[in-house]
Amino acid sequence: MWLTMNETLITLDNLTIGYNNEAVLCGISLSVARGATHAVMEYLSEIRKERNIAVLLVTHDFAAVRRYAGHVVWLTEGDVFVGCPHELLDPEAIKELLLVSFDRELAIILGKNVVFWDMLLYWLIGLTVSMAVLSVGPLTAFGFLLIPALIAHLFAANMRQFAVFACLSGGAVAFIGFWIAYQYDFPVGPTDVVVLGVLYAIAWIVARLL
């Protein structure tokens, strides 16, 4: 294992391979043994947040990558994958869709079917928006399409967290807004949108304080 560090970047090679290794990081000696991976990675995460620096880790430990990494470059035989860590073990179709969505230039270089995925995405968006507007009206439809995603964007570190936070906030507001509308005889749609706005304001303040 080798390690380098400067004011903006820590570089590590196979820190979590599972054998007994020793390294000195920020003046502290680290013993990397079996079972110690979690503690070491937690320590690196703290350093990254406290000093606002990047960590470049070369590893074969998928569990550590999926848990701690924010961005991944994955090299396999004849292919290169760039994306979020949770996408490493997702089905190939999901990987290709996410690659086209978030790194169009790389998808074109790798020969992915960009036009097909673009058309599929636009068709799904159009279907979702049109059905939602017909069902609940434009105010509620666009409120639930946009505001939960804005709330999730404040806290999510990857796409899985983004989806979970957005779904949870949207679902919670739907129940809370319905309860308030039922209790005070308010229209449900506008009440939900107001609750979404209040929740976004609270989330924005909390995100700025963290």
N, C-alpha and C. Protein backbone atom coordinates (compact mmCIF):
# COMPACT_ATOMS: atom_id res chain seq x y z
N MET A 1 0.83 -1.19 0.00
CA MET A 1 0.00 0.00 0.00
C MET A 1 0.87 1.24 0.00
N TRP A 2 0.46 2.25 -0.75
CA TRP A 2 1.15 3.53 -0.71
C TRP A 2 0.15 4.62 -0.47
N LEU A 3 0.63 5.75 0.03
CA LEU A 3 -0.27 6.84 0.39
C LEU A 3 0.43 8.16 0.16
N THR A 4 -0.29 9.11 -0.44
CA THR A 4 0.22 10.48 -0.56
C THR A 4 -0.88 11.43 -0.12
N MET A 5 -0.46 12.63 0.29
CA MET A 5 -1.44 13.61 0.75
C MET A 5 -0.92 15.02 0.50
N ASN A 6 -1.80 15.91 0.06
CA ASN A 6 -1.49 17.33 0.01
C ASN A 6 -2.70 18.10 0.51
N GLU A 7 -2.78 19.39 0.23
CA GLU A 7 -3.84 20.20 0.79
C GLU A 7 -5.22 19.88 0.22
N THR A 8 -5.26 19.24 -0.95
CA THR A 8 -6.56 19.02 -1.60
C THR A 8 -6.87 17.56 -1.89
N LEU A 9 -5.90 16.65 -1.75
CA LEU A 9 -6.11 15.27 -2.18
C LEU A 9 -5.34 14.27 -1.31
N ILE A 10 -6.04 13.21 -0.91
CA ILE A 10 -5.42 12.04 -0.29
C ILE A 10 -5.52 10.90 -1.29
N THR A 11 -4.42 10.22 -1.58
CA THR A 11 -4.40 9.12 -2.53
C THR A 11 -4.01 7.84 -1.80
N LEU A 12 -4.82 6.79 -1.97
CA LEU A 12 -4.57 5.51 -1.29
C LEU A 12 -4.70 4.37 -2.29
N ASP A 13 -3.92 3.34 -2.11
CA ASP A 13 -3.95 2.18 -2.99
C ASP A 13 -4.18 0.93 -2.17
N ASN A 14 -5.33 0.25 -2.40
CA ASN A 14 -5.66 -1.01 -1.74
C ASN A 14 -5.55 -0.91 -0.22
N LEU A 15 -6.17 0.13 0.33
CA LEU A 15 -6.17 0.29 1.78
C LEU A 15 -7.01 -0.78 2.46
N THR A 16 -8.03 -1.32 1.76
CA THR A 16 -8.98 -2.22 2.39
C THR A 16 -8.88 -3.64 1.85
N ILE A 17 -7.67 -4.09 1.49
CA ILE A 17 -7.55 -5.41 0.90
C ILE A 17 -7.69 -6.52 1.93
N GLY A 18 -7.66 -6.19 3.24
CA GLY A 18 -7.90 -7.20 4.25
C GLY A 18 -6.67 -7.78 4.88
N TYR A 19 -5.48 -7.34 4.49
CA TYR A 19 -4.25 -7.81 5.10
C TYR A 19 -3.75 -6.78 6.10
N ASN A 20 -2.78 -7.17 6.92
CA ASN A 20 -2.23 -6.24 7.90
C ASN A 20 -1.31 -5.24 7.20
N ASN A 21 -1.70 -3.99 7.23
CA ASN A 21 -0.91 -2.92 6.64
C ASN A 21 -0.84 -1.78 7.63
N GLU A 22 0.16 -0.95 7.48
CA GLU A 22 0.25 0.21 8.34
C GLU A 22 0.53 1.43 7.48
N ALA A 23 -0.11 2.54 7.86
CA ALA A 23 0.10 3.80 7.14
C ALA A 23 0.04 4.93 8.13
N VAL A 24 0.68 6.03 7.79
CA VAL A 24 0.62 7.22 8.62
C VAL A 24 -0.20 8.26 7.87
N LEU A 25 -1.30 8.67 8.45
CA LEU A 25 -2.21 9.61 7.81
C LEU A 25 -2.45 10.78 8.75
N CYS A 26 -2.09 11.98 8.30
CA CYS A 26 -2.27 13.19 9.10
C CYS A 26 -1.60 13.05 10.46
N GLY A 27 -0.45 12.38 10.50
CA GLY A 27 0.29 12.26 11.74
C GLY A 27 -0.18 11.13 12.63
N ILE A 28 -1.16 10.33 12.19
CA ILE A 28 -1.69 9.25 13.01
C ILE A 28 -1.41 7.92 12.33
N SER A 29 -0.86 6.97 13.09
CA SER A 29 -0.57 5.65 12.54
C SER A 29 -1.83 4.83 12.49
N LEU A 30 -2.09 4.25 11.31
CA LEU A 30 -3.29 3.43 11.12
C LEU A 30 -2.88 1.98 10.90
N SER A 31 -3.49 1.08 11.62
CA SER A 31 -3.28 -0.34 11.41
C SER A 31 -4.48 -0.89 10.68
N VAL A 32 -4.26 -1.33 9.46
CA VAL A 32 -5.37 -1.79 8.62
C VAL A 32 -5.39 -3.32 8.64
N ALA A 33 -6.25 -3.90 9.41
CA ALA A 33 -6.34 -5.35 9.52
C ALA A 33 -7.76 -5.78 9.18
N ARG A 34 -7.96 -7.08 9.14
CA ARG A 34 -9.30 -7.59 8.89
C ARG A 34 -10.22 -7.09 9.99
N GLY A 35 -11.40 -6.58 9.57
CA GLY A 35 -12.35 -6.05 10.53
C GLY A 35 -12.15 -4.58 10.84
N ALA A 36 -11.02 -3.99 10.41
CA ALA A 36 -10.74 -2.59 10.72
C ALA A 36 -11.13 -1.66 9.57
N THR A 37 -11.63 -2.21 8.48
CA THR A 37 -11.96 -1.39 7.32
C THR A 37 -12.95 -0.29 7.65
N HIS A 38 -13.98 -0.64 8.39
CA HIS A 38 -15.02 0.34 8.71
C HIS A 38 -14.44 1.53 9.47
N ALA A 39 -13.62 1.25 10.48
CA ALA A 39 -13.05 2.33 11.29
C ALA A 39 -12.15 3.24 10.44
N VAL A 40 -11.35 2.64 9.58
CA VAL A 40 -10.44 3.42 8.74
C VAL A 40 -11.23 4.30 7.78
N MET A 41 -12.24 3.73 7.14
CA MET A 41 -13.03 4.49 6.19
C MET A 41 -13.81 5.61 6.88
N GLU A 42 -14.29 5.36 8.09
CA GLU A 42 -14.97 6.40 8.85
C GLU A 42 -14.00 7.55 9.14
N TYR A 43 -12.76 7.19 9.49
CA TYR A 43 -11.76 8.20 9.79
C TYR A 43 -11.44 9.04 8.55
N LEU A 44 -11.33 8.38 7.41
CA LEU A 44 -11.10 9.10 6.16
C LEU A 44 -12.26 10.03 5.83
N SER A 45 -13.48 9.56 6.09
CA SER A 45 -14.66 10.40 5.83
C SER A 45 -14.63 11.65 6.70
N GLU A 46 -14.22 11.50 7.95
CA GLU A 46 -14.14 12.65 8.85
C GLU A 46 -13.09 13.65 8.36
N ILE A 47 -11.94 13.12 7.93
CA ILE A 47 -10.89 14.01 7.41
C ILE A 47 -11.38 14.77 6.18
N ARG A 48 -12.08 14.05 5.29
CA ARG A 48 -12.57 14.68 4.07
C ARG A 48 -13.53 15.82 4.38
N LYS A 49 -14.41 15.62 5.36
CA LYS A 49 -15.38 16.66 5.70
C LYS A 49 -14.73 17.82 6.44
N GLU A 50 -13.85 17.50 7.40
CA GLU A 50 -13.24 18.54 8.22
C GLU A 50 -12.31 19.44 7.41
N ARG A 51 -11.52 18.84 6.50
CA ARG A 51 -10.51 19.60 5.79
C ARG A 51 -10.93 19.95 4.36
N ASN A 52 -12.13 19.49 3.97
CA ASN A 52 -12.65 19.79 2.63
C ASN A 52 -11.68 19.37 1.54
N ILE A 53 -11.24 18.11 1.62
CA ILE A 53 -10.31 17.56 0.63
C ILE A 53 -10.92 16.32 0.00
N ALA A 54 -10.37 15.92 -1.13
CA ALA A 54 -10.83 14.74 -1.85
C ALA A 54 -10.01 13.52 -1.46
N VAL A 55 -10.64 12.34 -1.54
CA VAL A 55 -9.96 11.08 -1.27
C VAL A 55 -10.05 10.22 -2.53
N LEU A 56 -8.89 9.85 -3.08
CA LEU A 56 -8.82 8.98 -4.24
C LEU A 56 -8.36 7.61 -3.77
N LEU A 57 -9.23 6.62 -3.85
CA LEU A 57 -8.95 5.28 -3.32
C LEU A 57 -9.01 4.25 -4.44
N VAL A 58 -7.92 3.51 -4.60
CA VAL A 58 -7.88 2.37 -5.52
C VAL A 58 -8.15 1.12 -4.70
N THR A 59 -9.21 0.39 -4.99
CA THR A 59 -9.59 -0.74 -4.15
C THR A 59 -10.36 -1.78 -4.94
N HIS A 60 -10.40 -3.00 -4.37
CA HIS A 60 -11.24 -4.08 -4.91
C HIS A 60 -12.37 -4.41 -3.94
N ASP A 61 -12.54 -3.62 -2.90
CA ASP A 61 -13.54 -3.87 -1.86
C ASP A 61 -14.84 -3.18 -2.25
N PHE A 62 -15.75 -3.92 -2.88
CA PHE A 62 -17.01 -3.33 -3.34
C PHE A 62 -17.86 -2.84 -2.18
N ALA A 63 -17.81 -3.55 -1.04
CA ALA A 63 -18.63 -3.13 0.10
C ALA A 63 -18.23 -1.74 0.58
N ALA A 64 -16.93 -1.49 0.67
CA ALA A 64 -16.45 -0.17 1.09
C ALA A 64 -16.80 0.89 0.06
N VAL A 65 -16.69 0.54 -1.21
CA VAL A 65 -17.01 1.50 -2.28
C VAL A 65 -18.48 1.90 -2.22
N ARG A 66 -19.35 0.91 -2.10
CA ARG A 66 -20.78 1.19 -2.10
C ARG A 66 -21.21 2.01 -0.89
N ARG A 67 -20.49 1.84 0.22
CA ARG A 67 -20.88 2.53 1.44
C ARG A 67 -20.30 3.94 1.56
N TYR A 68 -19.06 4.12 1.10
CA TYR A 68 -18.37 5.37 1.39
C TYR A 68 -18.09 6.25 0.17
N ALA A 69 -18.02 5.68 -1.01
CA ALA A 69 -17.60 6.46 -2.17
C ALA A 69 -18.73 7.37 -2.66
N GLY A 70 -18.35 8.51 -3.20
CA GLY A 70 -19.33 9.40 -3.80
C GLY A 70 -19.36 9.30 -5.32
N HIS A 71 -18.22 8.92 -5.91
CA HIS A 71 -18.12 8.81 -7.37
C HIS A 71 -17.15 7.68 -7.69
N VAL A 72 -17.46 6.91 -8.71
CA VAL A 72 -16.70 5.69 -9.00
C VAL A 72 -16.29 5.65 -10.47
N VAL A 73 -15.04 5.28 -10.71
CA VAL A 73 -14.57 4.89 -12.04
C VAL A 73 -14.21 3.42 -11.95
N TRP A 74 -14.96 2.57 -12.64
CA TRP A 74 -14.83 1.12 -12.52
C TRP A 74 -14.27 0.57 -13.83
N LEU A 75 -13.13 -0.09 -13.77
CA LEU A 75 -12.48 -0.66 -14.95
C LEU A 75 -12.72 -2.15 -14.98
N THR A 76 -13.30 -2.64 -16.08
CA THR A 76 -13.48 -4.07 -16.29
C THR A 76 -12.86 -4.42 -17.63
N GLU A 77 -12.96 -5.68 -18.02
CA GLU A 77 -12.37 -6.11 -19.27
C GLU A 77 -13.09 -5.46 -20.44
N GLY A 78 -12.42 -4.52 -21.07
CA GLY A 78 -12.97 -3.90 -22.27
C GLY A 78 -14.03 -2.85 -22.03
N ASP A 79 -14.23 -2.42 -20.78
CA ASP A 79 -15.28 -1.44 -20.52
C ASP A 79 -14.87 -0.54 -19.36
N VAL A 80 -15.42 0.66 -19.37
CA VAL A 80 -15.19 1.63 -18.31
C VAL A 80 -16.55 2.13 -17.85
N PHE A 81 -16.78 2.12 -16.53
CA PHE A 81 -18.05 2.60 -15.99
C PHE A 81 -17.77 3.77 -15.05
N VAL A 82 -18.52 4.85 -15.24
CA VAL A 82 -18.39 6.02 -14.39
C VAL A 82 -19.77 6.33 -13.82
N GLY A 83 -19.86 6.49 -12.51
CA GLY A 83 -21.16 6.79 -11.92
C GLY A 83 -21.15 6.72 -10.41
N CYS A 84 -22.32 6.48 -9.83
CA CYS A 84 -22.48 6.38 -8.39
C CYS A 84 -22.16 4.97 -7.92
N PRO A 85 -21.69 4.80 -6.67
CA PRO A 85 -21.26 3.48 -6.21
C PRO A 85 -22.36 2.43 -6.18
N HIS A 86 -23.58 2.83 -5.85
CA HIS A 86 -24.64 1.82 -5.76
C HIS A 86 -24.99 1.22 -7.11
N GLU A 87 -24.54 1.85 -8.20
CA GLU A 87 -24.85 1.37 -9.54
C GLU A 87 -23.93 0.22 -9.96
N LEU A 88 -22.89 -0.08 -9.17
CA LEU A 88 -21.91 -1.08 -9.59
C LEU A 88 -22.53 -2.44 -9.85
N LEU A 89 -23.47 -2.84 -8.99
CA LEU A 89 -24.06 -4.16 -9.12
C LEU A 89 -25.48 -4.12 -9.66
N ASP A 90 -25.91 -2.98 -10.18
CA ASP A 90 -27.24 -2.87 -10.78
C ASP A 90 -27.26 -3.55 -12.15
N PRO A 91 -28.44 -3.91 -12.64
CA PRO A 91 -28.53 -4.52 -13.98
C PRO A 91 -27.91 -3.62 -15.04
N GLU A 92 -27.45 -4.22 -16.12
CA GLU A 92 -26.76 -3.48 -17.18
C GLU A 92 -27.64 -2.38 -17.77
N ALA A 93 -28.95 -2.64 -17.92
CA ALA A 93 -29.83 -1.63 -18.49
C ALA A 93 -29.89 -0.39 -17.60
N ILE A 94 -29.90 -0.59 -16.28
CA ILE A 94 -29.94 0.54 -15.35
C ILE A 94 -28.64 1.33 -15.44
N LYS A 95 -27.51 0.61 -15.52
CA LYS A 95 -26.22 1.29 -15.65
C LYS A 95 -26.20 2.17 -16.90
N GLU A 96 -26.69 1.62 -18.01
CA GLU A 96 -26.64 2.35 -19.28
C GLU A 96 -27.56 3.57 -19.23
N LEU A 97 -28.74 3.41 -18.64
CA LEU A 97 -29.67 4.54 -18.54
C LEU A 97 -29.08 5.65 -17.69
N LEU A 98 -28.47 5.30 -16.54
CA LEU A 98 -27.88 6.30 -15.67
C LEU A 98 -26.68 6.97 -16.33
N LEU A 99 -25.89 6.19 -17.07
CA LEU A 99 -24.74 6.76 -17.76
C LEU A 99 -25.18 7.78 -18.80
N VAL A 100 -26.20 7.44 -19.58
CA VAL A 100 -26.70 8.37 -20.60
C VAL A 100 -27.29 9.61 -19.95
N SER A 101 -27.94 9.44 -18.79
CA SER A 101 -28.60 10.55 -18.14
C SER A 101 -27.62 11.54 -17.52
N PHE A 102 -26.50 11.02 -16.97
CA PHE A 102 -25.63 11.88 -16.18
C PHE A 102 -24.26 12.13 -16.81
N ASP A 103 -23.90 11.38 -17.84
CA ASP A 103 -22.62 11.64 -18.51
C ASP A 103 -22.79 11.29 -19.99
N ARG A 104 -23.51 12.16 -20.69
CA ARG A 104 -23.87 11.89 -22.09
C ARG A 104 -22.64 11.74 -22.98
N GLU A 105 -21.62 12.59 -22.75
CA GLU A 105 -20.43 12.55 -23.59
C GLU A 105 -19.72 11.20 -23.48
N LEU A 106 -19.56 10.70 -22.23
CA LEU A 106 -18.92 9.41 -22.06
C LEU A 106 -19.75 8.29 -22.67
N ALA A 107 -21.08 8.38 -22.56
CA ALA A 107 -21.95 7.36 -23.15
C ALA A 107 -21.77 7.30 -24.66
N ILE A 108 -21.63 8.46 -25.30
CA ILE A 108 -21.42 8.50 -26.75
C ILE A 108 -20.07 7.88 -27.09
N ILE A 109 -19.03 8.21 -26.31
CA ILE A 109 -17.70 7.65 -26.55
C ILE A 109 -17.70 6.13 -26.44
N LEU A 110 -18.45 5.61 -25.45
CA LEU A 110 -18.52 4.16 -25.24
C LEU A 110 -19.48 3.45 -26.18
N GLY A 111 -20.13 4.21 -27.07
CA GLY A 111 -21.00 3.61 -28.08
C GLY A 111 -22.37 3.18 -27.57
N LYS A 112 -22.85 3.81 -26.50
CA LYS A 112 -24.17 3.47 -25.97
C LYS A 112 -25.26 4.07 -26.86
N ASN A 113 -26.44 3.46 -26.80
CA ASN A 113 -27.57 3.90 -27.63
C ASN A 113 -28.23 5.12 -26.98
N VAL A 114 -27.63 6.27 -27.14
CA VAL A 114 -28.09 7.49 -26.47
C VAL A 114 -29.48 7.90 -26.94
N VAL A 115 -29.73 7.83 -28.23
CA VAL A 115 -31.02 8.27 -28.78
C VAL A 115 -32.16 7.44 -28.21
N PHE A 116 -31.99 6.12 -28.12
CA PHE A 116 -33.04 5.25 -27.58
C PHE A 116 -33.38 5.62 -26.14
N TRP A 117 -32.35 5.79 -25.30
CA TRP A 117 -32.59 6.10 -23.89
C TRP A 117 -33.17 7.50 -23.73
N ASP A 118 -32.76 8.44 -24.57
CA ASP A 118 -33.36 9.77 -24.53
C ASP A 118 -34.85 9.71 -24.85
N MET A 119 -35.20 9.00 -25.91
CA MET A 119 -36.61 8.89 -26.30
C MET A 119 -37.43 8.19 -25.23
N LEU A 120 -36.87 7.12 -24.63
CA LEU A 120 -37.59 6.41 -23.57
C LEU A 120 -37.81 7.32 -22.36
N LEU A 121 -36.77 8.07 -21.98
CA LEU A 121 -36.88 8.97 -20.83
C LEU A 121 -37.92 10.06 -21.09
N TYR A 122 -37.86 10.68 -22.27
CA TYR A 122 -38.81 11.76 -22.57
C TYR A 122 -40.25 11.22 -22.64
N TRP A 123 -40.41 10.00 -23.16
CA TRP A 123 -41.75 9.40 -23.22
C TRP A 123 -42.29 9.15 -21.82
N LEU A 124 -41.45 8.63 -20.93
CA LEU A 124 -41.88 8.37 -19.56
C LEU A 124 -42.21 9.67 -18.82
N ILE A 125 -41.39 10.70 -19.03
CA ILE A 125 -41.67 11.99 -18.39
C ILE A 125 -42.99 12.57 -18.90
N GLY A 126 -43.19 12.53 -20.22
CA GLY A 126 -44.43 13.05 -20.79
C GLY A 126 -45.65 12.30 -20.29
N LEU A 127 -45.55 10.97 -20.22
CA LEU A 127 -46.67 10.16 -19.74
C LEU A 127 -46.98 10.48 -18.28
N THR A 128 -45.92 10.57 -17.46
CA THR A 128 -46.12 10.84 -16.04
C THR A 128 -46.76 12.20 -15.81
N VAL A 129 -46.24 13.23 -16.49
CA VAL A 129 -46.77 14.58 -16.30
C VAL A 129 -48.21 14.68 -16.80
N SER A 130 -48.49 14.15 -17.96
CA SER A 130 -49.85 14.26 -18.51
C SER A 130 -50.87 13.52 -17.66
N MET A 131 -50.53 12.32 -17.19
CA MET A 131 -51.46 11.57 -16.34
C MET A 131 -51.66 12.26 -15.00
N ALA A 132 -50.58 12.81 -14.45
CA ALA A 132 -50.70 13.49 -13.16
C ALA A 132 -51.55 14.75 -13.27
N VAL A 133 -51.35 15.52 -14.34
CA VAL A 133 -52.13 16.75 -14.52
C VAL A 133 -53.60 16.43 -14.72
N LEU A 134 -53.89 15.39 -15.50
CA LEU A 134 -55.29 14.99 -15.71
C LEU A 134 -55.93 14.48 -14.42
N SER A 135 -55.15 13.87 -13.55
CA SER A 135 -55.70 13.24 -12.35
C SER A 135 -55.89 14.24 -11.21
N VAL A 136 -54.89 15.07 -10.94
CA VAL A 136 -54.94 15.92 -9.74
C VAL A 136 -54.79 17.41 -10.05
N GLY A 137 -54.55 17.77 -11.30
CA GLY A 137 -54.40 19.17 -11.65
C GLY A 137 -52.95 19.60 -11.71
N PRO A 138 -52.66 20.69 -12.40
CA PRO A 138 -51.26 21.10 -12.61
C PRO A 138 -50.55 21.54 -11.33
N LEU A 139 -51.24 22.22 -10.41
CA LEU A 139 -50.60 22.72 -9.19
C LEU A 139 -50.06 21.57 -8.35
N THR A 140 -50.89 20.61 -8.06
CA THR A 140 -50.47 19.46 -7.24
C THR A 140 -49.46 18.60 -7.98
N ALA A 141 -49.70 18.39 -9.28
CA ALA A 141 -48.81 17.52 -10.06
C ALA A 141 -47.39 18.07 -10.07
N PHE A 142 -47.24 19.33 -10.43
CA PHE A 142 -45.88 19.91 -10.51
C PHE A 142 -45.29 20.14 -9.12
N GLY A 143 -46.14 20.38 -8.13
CA GLY A 143 -45.64 20.50 -6.77
C GLY A 143 -44.97 19.22 -6.30
N PHE A 144 -45.62 18.08 -6.53
CA PHE A 144 -45.06 16.80 -6.09
C PHE A 144 -43.94 16.31 -7.02
N LEU A 145 -43.92 16.77 -8.25
CA LEU A 145 -42.83 16.39 -9.15
C LEU A 145 -41.53 17.14 -8.84
N LEU A 146 -41.65 18.39 -8.39
CA LEU A 146 -40.47 19.23 -8.24
C LEU A 146 -39.97 19.35 -6.80
N ILE A 147 -40.85 19.64 -5.86
CA ILE A 147 -40.40 20.00 -4.52
C ILE A 147 -39.76 18.83 -3.76
N PRO A 148 -40.31 17.61 -3.78
CA PRO A 148 -39.60 16.51 -3.11
C PRO A 148 -38.20 16.28 -3.68
N ALA A 149 -38.04 16.47 -4.99
CA ALA A 149 -36.71 16.32 -5.58
C ALA A 149 -35.77 17.43 -5.11
N LEU A 150 -36.28 18.64 -4.97
CA LEU A 150 -35.46 19.74 -4.46
C LEU A 150 -35.04 19.49 -3.01
N ILE A 151 -35.94 18.94 -2.22
CA ILE A 151 -35.61 18.62 -0.83
C ILE A 151 -34.54 17.55 -0.78
N ALA A 152 -34.70 16.50 -1.58
CA ALA A 152 -33.72 15.41 -1.59
C ALA A 152 -32.36 15.89 -2.06
N HIS A 153 -32.34 16.82 -2.99
CA HIS A 153 -31.07 17.33 -3.53
C HIS A 153 -30.23 18.01 -2.47
N LEU A 154 -30.85 18.52 -1.41
CA LEU A 154 -30.12 19.20 -0.36
C LEU A 154 -29.29 18.25 0.50
N PHE A 155 -29.71 16.96 0.56
CA PHE A 155 -29.07 16.04 1.50
C PHE A 155 -28.48 14.79 0.86
N ALA A 156 -28.95 14.43 -0.33
CA ALA A 156 -28.55 13.16 -0.93
C ALA A 156 -27.11 13.20 -1.43
N ALA A 157 -26.39 12.09 -1.19
CA ALA A 157 -25.01 11.97 -1.66
C ALA A 157 -24.92 11.12 -2.92
N ASN A 158 -25.97 10.36 -3.24
CA ASN A 158 -25.98 9.53 -4.45
C ASN A 158 -27.42 9.38 -4.92
N MET A 159 -27.59 8.70 -6.04
CA MET A 159 -28.92 8.60 -6.64
C MET A 159 -29.87 7.76 -5.81
N ARG A 160 -29.37 6.75 -5.13
CA ARG A 160 -30.25 5.93 -4.28
C ARG A 160 -30.81 6.76 -3.14
N GLN A 161 -29.94 7.51 -2.47
CA GLN A 161 -30.41 8.39 -1.40
C GLN A 161 -31.36 9.44 -1.95
N PHE A 162 -31.05 9.96 -3.13
CA PHE A 162 -31.92 10.96 -3.76
C PHE A 162 -33.33 10.40 -3.94
N ALA A 163 -33.45 9.20 -4.48
CA ALA A 163 -34.76 8.59 -4.72
C ALA A 163 -35.49 8.32 -3.40
N VAL A 164 -34.76 7.80 -2.41
CA VAL A 164 -35.38 7.48 -1.12
C VAL A 164 -35.88 8.74 -0.43
N PHE A 165 -35.04 9.78 -0.36
CA PHE A 165 -35.43 11.02 0.32
C PHE A 165 -36.63 11.66 -0.38
N ALA A 166 -36.61 11.67 -1.71
CA ALA A 166 -37.70 12.29 -2.46
C ALA A 166 -39.02 11.54 -2.23
N CYS A 167 -38.96 10.22 -2.27
CA CYS A 167 -40.18 9.41 -2.06
C CYS A 167 -40.71 9.57 -0.64
N LEU A 168 -39.81 9.56 0.35
CA LEU A 168 -40.25 9.69 1.74
C LEU A 168 -40.86 11.06 2.01
N SER A 169 -40.22 12.12 1.51
CA SER A 169 -40.76 13.46 1.74
C SER A 169 -42.09 13.65 1.02
N GLY A 170 -42.18 13.16 -0.22
CA GLY A 170 -43.44 13.28 -0.94
C GLY A 170 -44.56 12.49 -0.29
N GLY A 171 -44.26 11.25 0.13
CA GLY A 171 -45.28 10.44 0.79
C GLY A 171 -45.72 11.02 2.11
N ALA A 172 -44.77 11.50 2.92
CA ALA A 172 -45.11 12.09 4.21
C ALA A 172 -45.99 13.32 4.04
N VAL A 173 -45.64 14.18 3.08
CA VAL A 173 -46.42 15.39 2.85
C VAL A 173 -47.83 15.07 2.36
N ALA A 174 -47.97 14.03 1.56
CA ALA A 174 -49.29 13.65 1.07
C ALA A 174 -50.22 13.30 2.24
N PHE A 175 -49.72 12.55 3.21
CA PHE A 175 -50.53 12.18 4.37
C PHE A 175 -50.78 13.38 5.28
N ILE A 176 -49.73 14.17 5.54
CA ILE A 176 -49.88 15.33 6.43
C ILE A 176 -50.83 16.35 5.81
N GLY A 177 -50.65 16.64 4.51
CA GLY A 177 -51.52 17.59 3.85
C GLY A 177 -52.97 17.14 3.83
N PHE A 178 -53.20 15.85 3.60
CA PHE A 178 -54.57 15.32 3.60
C PHE A 178 -55.19 15.46 4.99
N TRP A 179 -54.40 15.19 6.04
CA TRP A 179 -54.92 15.30 7.41
C TRP A 179 -55.29 16.74 7.74
N ILE A 180 -54.43 17.69 7.38
CA ILE A 180 -54.71 19.10 7.63
C ILE A 180 -55.96 19.54 6.86
N ALA A 181 -56.05 19.14 5.60
CA ALA A 181 -57.22 19.51 4.79
C ALA A 181 -58.50 18.92 5.36
N TYR A 182 -58.42 17.69 5.86
CA TYR A 182 -59.61 17.04 6.45
C TYR A 182 -60.02 17.74 7.74
N GLN A 183 -59.03 18.09 8.58
CA GLN A 183 -59.33 18.70 9.87
C GLN A 183 -59.92 20.10 9.73
N TYR A 184 -59.42 20.87 8.77
CA TYR A 184 -59.82 22.28 8.67
C TYR A 184 -60.65 22.58 7.42
N ASP A 185 -61.06 21.53 6.73
CA ASP A 185 -61.91 21.66 5.54
C ASP A 185 -61.25 22.54 4.47
N PHE A 186 -59.95 22.29 4.23
CA PHE A 186 -59.21 22.98 3.17
C PHE A 186 -59.20 22.11 1.91
N PRO A 187 -59.00 22.71 0.74
CA PRO A 187 -58.81 21.89 -0.47
C PRO A 187 -57.50 21.10 -0.36
N VAL A 188 -57.52 19.83 -0.73
CA VAL A 188 -56.38 18.94 -0.49
C VAL A 188 -55.17 19.34 -1.31
N GLY A 189 -55.34 19.58 -2.62
CA GLY A 189 -54.20 19.87 -3.48
C GLY A 189 -53.40 21.08 -3.05
N PRO A 190 -54.02 22.25 -2.94
CA PRO A 190 -53.27 23.43 -2.49
C PRO A 190 -52.66 23.26 -1.10
N THR A 191 -53.34 22.54 -0.21
CA THR A 191 -52.79 22.31 1.13
C THR A 191 -51.51 21.49 1.04
N ASP A 192 -51.51 20.45 0.22
CA ASP A 192 -50.30 19.64 0.03
C ASP A 192 -49.14 20.48 -0.48
N VAL A 193 -49.43 21.36 -1.43
CA VAL A 193 -48.37 22.19 -2.01
C VAL A 193 -47.81 23.16 -0.97
N VAL A 194 -48.68 23.73 -0.15
CA VAL A 194 -48.21 24.63 0.91
C VAL A 194 -47.33 23.88 1.91
N VAL A 195 -47.74 22.68 2.29
CA VAL A 195 -46.94 21.87 3.21
C VAL A 195 -45.60 21.52 2.58
N LEU A 196 -45.59 21.21 1.30
CA LEU A 196 -44.34 20.95 0.59
C LEU A 196 -43.42 22.17 0.63
N GLY A 197 -43.99 23.35 0.41
CA GLY A 197 -43.19 24.58 0.46
C GLY A 197 -42.60 24.83 1.84
N VAL A 198 -43.40 24.60 2.88
CA VAL A 198 -42.91 24.77 4.25
C VAL A 198 -41.80 23.77 4.55
N LEU A 199 -41.99 22.52 4.13
CA LEU A 199 -40.97 21.49 4.35
C LEU A 199 -39.68 21.83 3.62
N TYR A 200 -39.80 22.34 2.40
CA TYR A 200 -38.59 22.73 1.66
C TYR A 200 -37.86 23.87 2.35
N ALA A 201 -38.60 24.85 2.87
CA ALA A 201 -37.98 25.97 3.57
C ALA A 201 -37.23 25.46 4.81
N ILE A 202 -37.84 24.55 5.56
CA ILE A 202 -37.18 23.99 6.74
C ILE A 202 -35.94 23.20 6.34
N ALA A 203 -36.06 22.38 5.28
CA ALA A 203 -34.93 21.58 4.82
C ALA A 203 -33.78 22.47 4.34
N TRP A 204 -34.11 23.56 3.68
CA TRP A 204 -33.08 24.49 3.19
C TRP A 204 -32.32 25.11 4.35
N ILE A 205 -33.04 25.51 5.38
CA ILE A 205 -32.40 26.11 6.56
C ILE A 205 -31.52 25.09 7.27
N VAL A 206 -32.02 23.87 7.45
CA VAL A 206 -31.25 22.81 8.10
C VAL A 206 -29.98 22.50 7.30
N ALA A 207 -30.11 22.42 5.97
CA ALA A 207 -28.94 22.13 5.12
C ALA A 207 -27.89 23.20 5.24
N ARG A 208 -28.29 24.45 5.39
CA ARG A 208 -27.33 25.54 5.52
C ARG A 208 -26.64 25.54 6.88
N LEU A 209 -27.34 25.02 7.89
CA LEU A 209 -26.77 24.99 9.24
C LEU A 209 -25.82 23.81 9.44
N LEU A 210 -25.98 22.75 8.65
CA LEU A 210 -25.13 21.55 8.81
C LEU A 210 -23.73 21.81 8.28
